[in-house]
Amino acid sequence: MDYVKLTEELVKALVKNSDMVTVKEFPTDEEKFHHIQVLVDNDDMGVLIGKAGKTAKALRTIVQASGYINGNEKIKIDIDSF
């Protein structure tokens, strides 16, 4: 499963400046572990994080659930702005 594409589609649906969204996966030494970084415009950080971090937590939950369904893979998502 392409977790980067899934993450990117979910993030682009939430933010206003969807053209500024960048999602990258970094290689890790562990098998079945994915480290994904999401970069969004500074103006969209509040929307993506949500009140008390609820939107970011929901995003992580959806992607991580997909990982567990597809072979018990662990996924870490970092959210940052540029």
Protein backbone atom coordinates (compact mmCIF):
# COMPACT_ATOMS: atom_id res chain seq x y z
CA MET A 1 0.00 0.00 0.00
CA ASP A 2 1.20 3.51 -0.76
CA TYR A 3 0.92 5.29 2.58
CA VAL A 4 2.45 8.49 1.20
CA LYS A 5 -0.30 8.79 -1.39
CA LEU A 6 -3.01 8.06 1.20
CA THR A 7 -1.56 10.67 3.56
CA GLU A 8 -1.23 13.23 0.77
CA GLU A 9 -4.84 12.79 -0.36
CA LEU A 10 -6.16 13.17 3.19
CA VAL A 11 -4.05 16.27 3.89
CA LYS A 12 -4.94 17.94 0.58
CA ALA A 13 -8.63 17.47 1.36
CA LEU A 14 -8.19 19.35 4.65
CA VAL A 15 -6.04 22.37 3.73
CA LYS A 16 -6.75 25.47 1.64
CA ASN A 17 -3.42 25.61 -0.21
CA SER A 18 -3.34 22.04 -1.47
CA ASP A 19 -0.66 22.94 -4.05
CA MET A 20 1.76 23.64 -1.20
CA VAL A 21 1.44 20.18 0.38
CA THR A 22 4.54 18.00 0.29
CA VAL A 23 4.55 14.44 1.63
CA LYS A 24 7.78 12.42 1.74
CA GLU A 25 8.78 9.08 3.16
CA PHE A 26 12.18 8.69 4.75
CA PRO A 27 13.99 5.36 4.72
CA THR A 28 14.31 3.53 8.02
CA ASP A 29 16.40 0.62 9.21
CA GLU A 30 13.42 -1.22 10.63
CA GLU A 31 11.35 -3.52 8.50
CA LYS A 32 7.61 -2.70 8.34
CA PHE A 33 8.19 0.83 9.69
CA HIS A 34 7.42 3.94 7.65
CA HIS A 35 8.42 7.49 8.58
CA ILE A 36 6.36 10.06 6.69
CA GLN A 37 6.86 13.82 6.79
CA VAL A 38 4.05 16.21 5.85
CA LEU A 39 4.91 19.81 4.97
CA VAL A 40 2.14 22.38 4.56
CA ASP A 41 1.89 26.13 4.20
CA ASN A 42 2.21 27.98 7.51
CA ASP A 43 -1.36 29.31 7.13
CA ASP A 44 -2.72 25.74 6.97
CA MET A 45 -0.96 24.45 10.10
CA GLY A 46 -3.85 25.33 12.39
CA VAL A 47 -6.36 23.59 10.17
CA LEU A 48 -4.26 20.45 9.88
CA ILE A 49 -3.43 20.25 13.59
CA GLY A 50 -6.98 21.10 14.69
CA LYS A 51 -8.23 22.05 18.11
CA ALA A 52 -6.12 20.27 20.74
CA GLY A 53 -4.48 18.25 17.95
CA LYS A 54 -7.61 16.27 17.16
CA THR A 55 -7.36 16.56 13.36
CA ALA A 56 -3.71 15.50 13.32
CA LYS A 57 -4.50 12.59 15.63
CA ALA A 58 -7.37 11.49 13.38
CA LEU A 59 -5.09 11.66 10.32
CA ARG A 60 -2.48 9.53 12.06
CA THR A 61 -5.12 7.06 13.23
CA ILE A 62 -6.51 6.55 9.72
CA VAL A 63 -3.08 6.00 8.14
CA GLN A 64 -1.87 3.78 10.98
CA ALA A 65 -5.05 1.70 10.82
CA SER A 66 -4.41 1.17 7.13
CA GLY A 67 -0.90 0.01 7.99
CA TYR A 68 -2.14 -2.47 10.57
CA ILE A 69 -4.70 -3.87 8.13
CA ASN A 70 -2.04 -4.30 5.45
CA GLY A 71 0.49 -6.41 7.30
CA ASN A 72 0.89 -4.88 10.75
CA GLU A 73 3.11 -2.05 9.50
CA LYS A 74 3.94 0.85 11.81
CA ILE A 75 3.73 4.39 10.51
CA LYS A 76 5.00 7.61 12.07
CA ILE A 77 3.75 10.91 10.64
CA ASP A 78 5.50 14.22 11.36
CA ILE A 79 3.67 17.43 10.47
CA ASP A 80 5.57 20.66 9.86
CA SER A 81 5.23 23.92 7.92
CA PHE A 82 7.49 25.87 5.61
